[in-house]
Protein backbone atom coordinates (compact mmCIF):
# COMPACT_ATOMS: atom_id res chain seq x y z
CA MET A 1 6.33 -1.82 -19.61
CA SER A 2 3.15 -1.25 -21.70
CA LEU A 3 0.79 -2.84 -19.04
CA LYS A 4 -1.58 -0.20 -17.57
CA VAL A 5 -2.15 -0.37 -13.81
CA VAL A 6 -5.23 1.11 -12.25
CA THR A 7 -5.35 1.99 -8.59
CA PHE A 8 -8.30 3.18 -6.63
CA GLY A 9 -8.54 4.91 -3.10
CA GLU A 10 -8.26 8.11 -1.23
CA ILE A 11 -5.57 10.68 -1.46
CA MET A 12 -5.32 13.08 1.53
CA LEU A 13 -3.58 16.18 2.64
CA ARG A 14 -0.92 15.27 5.08
CA LEU A 15 0.27 17.67 7.83
CA THR A 16 3.38 16.98 9.76
CA PRO A 17 5.09 18.86 12.59
CA PRO A 18 8.74 19.76 11.92
CA GLY A 19 11.33 17.16 13.07
CA TYR A 20 10.02 15.21 16.01
CA GLU A 21 7.81 17.86 17.52
CA ARG A 22 4.41 16.78 18.84
CA LEU A 23 1.15 18.29 17.50
CA VAL A 24 0.60 20.15 20.75
CA GLN A 25 3.94 21.76 20.45
CA ALA A 26 3.93 22.59 16.80
CA ARG A 27 3.39 26.18 15.41
CA ASN A 28 4.11 25.09 11.82
CA LEU A 29 3.05 22.02 9.81
CA ASP A 30 4.60 20.72 6.58
CA MET A 31 2.02 20.01 3.90
CA THR A 32 2.32 17.04 1.45
CA TYR A 33 -0.20 14.64 -0.19
CA GLY A 34 -0.44 10.88 0.16
CA GLY A 35 -2.62 7.86 0.33
CA ALA A 36 -2.01 4.11 -0.12
CA GLU A 37 -3.14 3.55 -3.70
CA ALA A 38 -1.86 7.00 -4.78
CA ASN A 39 1.54 5.99 -3.30
CA VAL A 40 1.55 2.74 -5.32
CA ALA A 41 0.66 4.69 -8.58
CA VAL A 42 3.53 7.17 -8.09
CA SER A 43 5.99 4.36 -7.48
CA LEU A 44 4.88 2.61 -10.66
CA ALA A 45 5.12 5.71 -12.72
CA ARG A 46 8.74 6.27 -11.39
CA PHE A 47 9.52 2.79 -12.75
CA GLY A 48 8.28 3.77 -16.19
CA MET A 49 4.97 2.04 -15.98
CA GLU A 50 1.61 3.42 -17.13
CA ALA A 51 -0.31 4.12 -13.80
CA SER A 52 -3.74 5.53 -13.69
CA TYR A 53 -5.16 6.67 -10.31
CA VAL A 54 -8.94 6.88 -9.70
CA THR A 55 -10.50 8.69 -6.86
CA LYS A 56 -12.86 11.68 -6.11
CA LEU A 57 -11.54 15.16 -5.36
CA PRO A 58 -13.25 18.49 -4.38
CA LYS A 59 -13.26 21.42 -6.65
CA ASN A 60 -11.11 23.51 -4.52
CA PRO A 61 -7.45 24.52 -4.25
CA LEU A 62 -6.60 21.39 -2.04
CA GLY A 63 -8.14 19.13 -4.61
CA ASP A 64 -6.27 20.96 -7.28
CA GLY A 65 -3.01 20.68 -5.38
CA ALA A 66 -3.49 16.87 -5.09
CA LEU A 67 -4.26 16.64 -8.73
CA GLU A 68 -1.26 18.65 -9.74
CA GLU A 69 1.10 16.60 -7.41
CA LEU A 70 -0.04 13.27 -9.00
CA ARG A 71 0.47 14.71 -12.55
CA ARG A 72 3.85 15.97 -11.61
CA CYS A 73 4.76 12.37 -10.63
CA GLY A 74 3.67 11.14 -14.02
CA VAL A 75 0.36 9.49 -12.83
CA ASP A 76 -2.65 9.50 -15.22
CA THR A 77 -5.43 11.46 -13.59
CA ASN A 78 -8.03 11.34 -16.34
CA PHE A 79 -10.49 9.25 -14.36
CA ILE A 80 -10.50 11.30 -11.24
CA VAL A 81 -14.00 12.81 -10.36
CA ARG A 82 -14.12 16.34 -9.26
CA ASP A 83 -17.01 16.94 -6.87
CA GLY A 84 -17.68 17.05 -3.13
CA ASP A 85 -16.91 19.43 -0.47
CA ARG A 86 -13.52 18.50 1.14
CA LEU A 87 -10.41 16.66 0.91
CA GLY A 88 -9.50 14.28 3.67
CA VAL A 89 -6.63 15.35 6.09
CA TYR A 90 -4.35 13.39 8.30
CA TYR A 91 -1.81 14.59 10.82
CA MET A 92 1.43 12.69 11.08
CA GLU A 93 3.35 12.91 14.40
CA ARG A 94 6.83 11.28 14.00
CA GLY A 95 7.86 8.93 16.83
CA ALA A 96 11.35 8.69 18.33
CA SER A 97 13.05 6.13 20.45
CA LEU A 98 10.46 4.60 22.76
CA ARG A 99 7.59 6.83 21.60
CA GLY A 100 5.89 5.49 18.59
CA SER A 101 4.58 7.53 15.68
CA GLU A 102 0.97 8.61 15.73
CA VAL A 103 -1.62 9.27 13.02
CA LEU A 104 -4.66 11.54 13.50
CA TYR A 105 -7.39 11.29 10.93
CA ASP A 106 -9.72 14.10 9.86
CA ARG A 107 -11.29 12.50 6.86
CA ALA A 108 -15.03 12.22 7.65
CA GLY A 109 -17.14 13.66 4.93
CA SER A 110 -14.43 13.71 2.33
CA ALA A 111 -15.32 13.71 -1.44
CA ILE A 112 -14.26 10.10 -1.82
CA ALA A 113 -16.04 8.95 1.46
CA ASN A 114 -19.25 10.38 -0.16
CA ALA A 115 -18.72 8.76 -3.58
CA THR A 116 -21.54 6.78 -5.23
CA LEU A 117 -21.61 3.91 -7.60
CA SER A 118 -22.58 6.17 -10.42
CA ASP A 119 -19.36 8.21 -10.12
CA PHE A 120 -17.15 5.71 -11.76
CA ASP A 121 -17.57 4.09 -15.16
CA TRP A 122 -15.45 0.98 -14.74
CA ASP A 123 -15.93 -0.06 -18.42
CA GLU A 124 -14.14 3.21 -19.46
CA ILE A 125 -11.62 3.12 -16.64
CA PHE A 126 -10.38 -0.40 -17.38
CA ALA A 127 -10.20 0.03 -21.14
CA GLY A 128 -6.62 -1.11 -22.01
CA ALA A 129 -5.85 -1.92 -18.37
CA GLY A 130 -4.09 -5.12 -17.29
CA TRP A 131 -3.88 -4.71 -13.57
CA PHE A 132 -6.12 -3.38 -10.78
CA HIS A 133 -4.90 -2.59 -7.21
CA PHE A 134 -6.73 -1.49 -4.09
CA THR A 135 -6.17 -1.67 -0.30
CA GLY A 136 -8.33 -2.51 2.70
CA ILE A 137 -8.40 1.21 3.53
CA THR A 138 -10.80 2.00 0.61
CA PRO A 139 -13.81 -0.09 1.73
CA ALA A 140 -13.25 0.90 5.37
CA LEU A 141 -14.15 4.51 4.61
CA GLY A 142 -17.91 3.77 4.76
CA GLY A 143 -20.70 4.98 2.61
CA GLU A 144 -20.97 3.16 -0.67
CA LEU A 145 -17.12 2.47 -0.87
CA PHE A 146 -17.38 -1.27 -0.14
CA ASN A 147 -19.90 -1.68 -2.90
CA ILE A 148 -17.88 0.58 -5.27
CA THR A 149 -14.83 -1.48 -4.54
CA LEU A 150 -16.63 -4.81 -5.02
CA GLU A 151 -18.12 -3.53 -8.39
CA ALA A 152 -14.62 -2.55 -9.47
CA CYS A 153 -13.25 -6.02 -8.63
CA LYS A 154 -16.11 -7.82 -10.37
CA SER A 155 -15.62 -5.62 -13.49
CA ALA A 156 -11.82 -6.16 -13.42
CA LYS A 157 -12.22 -9.97 -13.21
CA ALA A 158 -14.80 -9.98 -16.05
CA ARG A 159 -12.13 -8.42 -18.22
CA ASP A 160 -9.43 -10.93 -16.97
CA ILE A 161 -7.56 -8.11 -15.35
CA THR A 162 -5.13 -9.19 -12.60
CA VAL A 163 -6.44 -7.82 -9.12
CA SER A 164 -4.19 -7.22 -6.26
CA CYS A 165 -5.16 -6.19 -2.61
CA ASP A 166 -3.02 -5.03 0.20
CA VAL A 167 -5.03 -5.87 3.32
CA ASN A 168 -3.77 -2.69 5.13
CA PHE A 169 -5.98 -3.14 8.19
CA ARG A 170 -6.50 0.16 10.14
CA THR A 171 -7.98 -0.10 13.60
CA LYS A 172 -8.99 3.54 13.57
CA LEU A 173 -11.29 2.98 10.59
CA TRP A 174 -13.00 -0.36 11.35
CA ASP A 175 -12.76 -3.36 13.85
CA ALA A 176 -11.17 -6.66 12.98
CA LYS A 177 -14.36 -8.64 12.78
CA THR A 178 -15.99 -6.32 10.25
CA ALA A 179 -12.74 -5.97 8.33
CA GLY A 180 -12.31 -9.59 8.14
CA GLU A 181 -15.74 -10.30 6.89
CA SER A 182 -15.78 -7.46 4.35
CA LEU A 183 -12.32 -8.14 3.05
CA GLY A 184 -13.12 -11.81 2.83
CA LYS A 185 -15.85 -10.98 0.31
CA LEU A 186 -13.47 -8.85 -1.74
CA LEU A 187 -10.65 -11.44 -1.73
CA GLU A 188 -12.88 -13.82 -3.75
CA TYR A 189 -11.92 -11.55 -6.71
CA VAL A 190 -8.40 -11.08 -5.87
CA ASP A 191 -5.38 -12.80 -7.54
CA ILE A 192 -2.48 -11.40 -5.35
CA CYS A 193 -2.97 -10.67 -1.71
CA ILE A 194 -0.46 -8.60 0.47
CA VAL A 195 -0.82 -8.88 4.17
CA ASN A 196 1.33 -8.64 7.24
CA GLU A 197 1.63 -11.60 9.62
CA GLU A 198 -0.44 -9.83 12.36
CA HIS A 199 -3.32 -9.09 10.11
CA ALA A 200 -3.45 -12.61 8.79
CA GLY A 201 -4.21 -13.66 12.33
CA GLU A 202 -6.34 -10.76 13.58
CA LEU A 203 -8.69 -10.69 10.50
CA PHE A 204 -8.67 -14.27 9.27
CA GLY A 205 -7.73 -16.30 12.20
CA ILE A 206 -4.60 -17.83 10.52
CA TYR A 207 -1.65 -18.13 12.75
CA ALA A 208 1.56 -20.05 12.30
CA PRO A 209 1.92 -22.98 14.60
CA GLY A 210 4.28 -22.00 17.53
CA LYS A 211 3.43 -18.27 17.08
CA GLU A 212 1.60 -18.16 20.39
CA LYS A 213 4.79 -19.11 22.21
CA ASP A 214 7.07 -16.64 20.55
CA ARG A 215 5.48 -13.69 18.67
CA ASP A 216 8.76 -12.73 17.06
CA ALA A 217 9.41 -16.30 15.81
CA PHE A 218 9.95 -16.76 12.03
CA ASN A 219 11.01 -19.59 9.77
CA ARG A 220 10.20 -20.85 6.36
CA ASP A 221 7.71 -23.41 7.59
CA MET A 222 5.73 -20.81 9.47
CA ALA A 223 5.59 -18.48 6.48
CA LEU A 224 4.66 -21.39 4.24
CA TYR A 225 1.77 -22.49 6.49
CA VAL A 226 0.22 -18.98 6.62
CA SER A 227 0.64 -18.42 2.95
CA LYS A 228 -0.78 -21.72 1.97
CA ALA A 229 -3.67 -21.29 4.36
CA LEU A 230 -4.62 -17.86 2.80
CA LYS A 231 -4.17 -19.13 -0.77
CA ASP A 232 -6.43 -22.13 -0.18
CA ARG A 233 -9.15 -20.14 1.68
CA PHE A 234 -9.53 -17.36 -1.00
CA ASP A 235 -8.31 -19.20 -4.09
CA LEU A 236 -5.58 -16.79 -4.55
CA ASP A 237 -2.76 -16.92 -7.14
CA LYS A 238 0.02 -15.62 -4.99
CA VAL A 239 0.37 -14.48 -1.33
CA ALA A 240 2.85 -11.95 -0.11
CA ILE A 241 3.50 -11.57 3.65
CA THR A 242 5.41 -8.69 5.22
CA TYR A 243 7.29 -8.90 8.60
CA ARG A 244 8.36 -6.15 10.80
CA ARG A 245 10.36 -6.20 14.05
CA THR A 246 10.44 -2.96 16.00
CA ILE A 247 13.69 -2.15 17.89
CA SER A 248 12.49 1.45 18.32
CA ALA A 249 10.52 4.01 16.47
CA ASN A 250 13.73 4.84 14.49
CA GLU A 251 15.03 1.31 14.06
CA ASN A 252 13.25 -1.68 12.45
CA LEU A 253 13.95 -5.08 10.86
CA TRP A 254 11.87 -5.63 7.80
CA TRP A 255 11.47 -8.52 5.24
CA ALA A 256 8.90 -10.26 3.14
CA THR A 257 7.92 -13.56 1.57
CA LEU A 258 6.17 -14.51 -1.65
CA TYR A 259 4.29 -17.75 -2.31
CA ASP A 260 2.85 -18.98 -5.64
CA GLY A 261 1.40 -22.29 -4.64
CA GLU A 262 4.54 -24.19 -5.38
CA ASP A 263 7.47 -22.22 -3.91
CA ILE A 264 8.03 -19.62 -1.24
CA CYS A 265 10.79 -17.03 -1.69
CA ILE A 266 12.07 -14.95 1.27
CA SER A 267 13.56 -11.50 0.83
CA PRO A 268 16.71 -10.25 2.44
CA LYS A 269 16.10 -8.86 5.92
CA TYR A 270 16.81 -5.05 6.18
CA HIS A 271 17.94 -3.35 9.22
CA ILE A 272 16.48 0.14 8.65
CA GLU A 273 17.08 3.49 10.37
CA ILE A 274 13.98 5.25 9.69
CA ILE A 275 13.32 8.69 8.37
CA ASP A 276 9.72 8.19 7.55
CA ARG A 277 7.92 4.86 7.41
CA VAL A 278 4.52 5.93 6.06
CA GLY A 279 3.96 4.45 2.73
CA SER A 280 6.62 1.78 3.07
CA GLY A 281 4.04 -1.03 2.65
CA ASP A 282 2.80 0.69 -0.48
CA ALA A 283 6.31 0.86 -1.86
CA PHE A 284 6.59 -2.96 -1.31
CA ALA A 285 3.24 -3.45 -3.23
CA ALA A 286 4.40 -1.31 -6.03
CA GLY A 287 7.67 -3.34 -6.27
CA LEU A 288 5.72 -6.49 -6.31
CA ILE A 289 3.33 -5.37 -8.95
CA TYR A 290 6.36 -4.20 -11.13
CA GLY A 291 8.04 -7.57 -10.80
CA LEU A 292 4.89 -9.66 -11.49
CA ALA A 293 3.59 -7.52 -14.27
CA ASN A 294 6.96 -7.56 -15.98
CA LYS A 295 7.13 -11.40 -15.73
CA LYS A 296 10.10 -11.37 -13.31
CA ASP A 297 10.80 -14.49 -11.27
CA LEU A 298 9.46 -15.00 -7.82
CA GLN A 299 12.72 -14.28 -6.05
CA PHE A 300 13.49 -11.10 -8.15
CA THR A 301 9.98 -9.92 -7.41
CA VAL A 302 10.04 -10.28 -3.57
CA ASP A 303 13.61 -8.88 -3.47
CA PHE A 304 12.63 -5.92 -5.60
CA GLY A 305 9.54 -5.16 -3.48
CA ALA A 306 11.57 -5.43 -0.38
CA ALA A 307 14.34 -3.07 -1.52
CA CYS A 308 11.58 -0.54 -2.55
CA CYS A 309 10.16 -0.74 0.94
CA ALA A 310 13.55 -0.36 2.55
CA LEU A 311 14.33 2.70 0.59
CA LYS A 312 11.03 4.34 1.32
CA HIS A 313 11.84 4.39 5.03
CA THR A 314 14.69 6.90 4.03
CA ILE A 315 12.28 9.30 2.08
CA GLU A 316 10.13 11.88 3.84
CA GLY A 317 6.52 11.98 2.80
CA ASP A 318 4.16 9.21 1.56
CA PHE A 319 5.55 8.99 -1.98
CA ASN A 320 8.60 6.83 -2.69
CA HIS A 321 10.68 9.09 -4.81
CA VAL A 322 13.19 6.54 -6.01
CA TYR A 323 13.97 5.13 -9.41
CA PHE A 324 14.40 1.60 -10.69
CA ASP A 325 18.29 1.83 -10.89
CA GLU A 326 18.39 2.89 -7.21
CA VAL A 327 16.35 -0.12 -6.13
CA LYS A 328 18.47 -2.43 -8.29
CA LYS A 329 21.56 -1.12 -6.67
CA LEU A 330 20.33 -1.87 -3.22
CA MET A 331 19.21 -5.33 -4.32
CA GLU A 332 22.79 -5.89 -5.50
CA GLY A 333 24.22 -5.02 -2.06
CA LYS A 334 25.47 -1.65 -3.29
CA GLY A 335 23.26 0.56 -0.93
CA GLY A 336 25.62 1.19 1.95
CA GLY A 337 24.84 4.85 2.16
CA ARG A 338 28.08 6.08 0.63
CA VAL A 339 28.15 9.30 -1.29
CA SER A 340 27.79 8.75 -5.05
CA ARG A 341 30.20 11.06 -6.98
């Protein structure tokens, strides 16, 4: 539990219409905070790990609010830089039935998007750290953030720190060609890569045989083919792939695989009724980091990550406000939704 995990990225203000209202209807918006790497740090802190989050926040009440929310969740904020003019914002419109959820970004010119290489002293940040995590969202924000992320990766590897990356491709931030080329350069320094099956194909041209005939097809051999291809291309230690089948905006099937070069383990498949799916991939990443950092076996690790992800779908907001015992209970098949008295 003593391993220190550092995550780096953007935390934003999230504004959400009540219930299933659309933005054009809404007269009130619920305010929370969230962002991929911050979500991971919060989950790890909930599990009792030392989690340090690095970003750049403006010196204004919104920046103060984000900082206080992270601290309230037990995240170390000592290396957050305070400067810049604004906090990024995103609007989350919840989907229902046949209408999918929609995200509208207002993050241009945010403090972190205007960050410079000199803002972050990675020697100081990584002192005592054993793990570094980032996502593909951070280098997509433009400015110097690709180079800052690359410097962080190089610095982590020079210190023999484990590096994990959740590819997290966002079409509203960059195109597939640019994302694939840029992330390919970063993955040279990554030990554990997390990607969904679609992005493995879109960004890196790696498709399981037979996928072109049935986009929903899945079997162990398909998962093994894509995992091995990713591992070999980028010299990765482990590859985690996530799978989602959408029945409706409120009902999904979700599972994951984890490959270590010798074996591939498949998690249970969860049939989920969704309250809020934002941050569910980050919940999986946090579960994966927890399992690997604490020397759990491959099957436990992917099962733990999948259970974290499944539970996040039931929690409003970006942060996964669940604890280790709750995740373990679901893993053991005791999560049927009954009242606990």
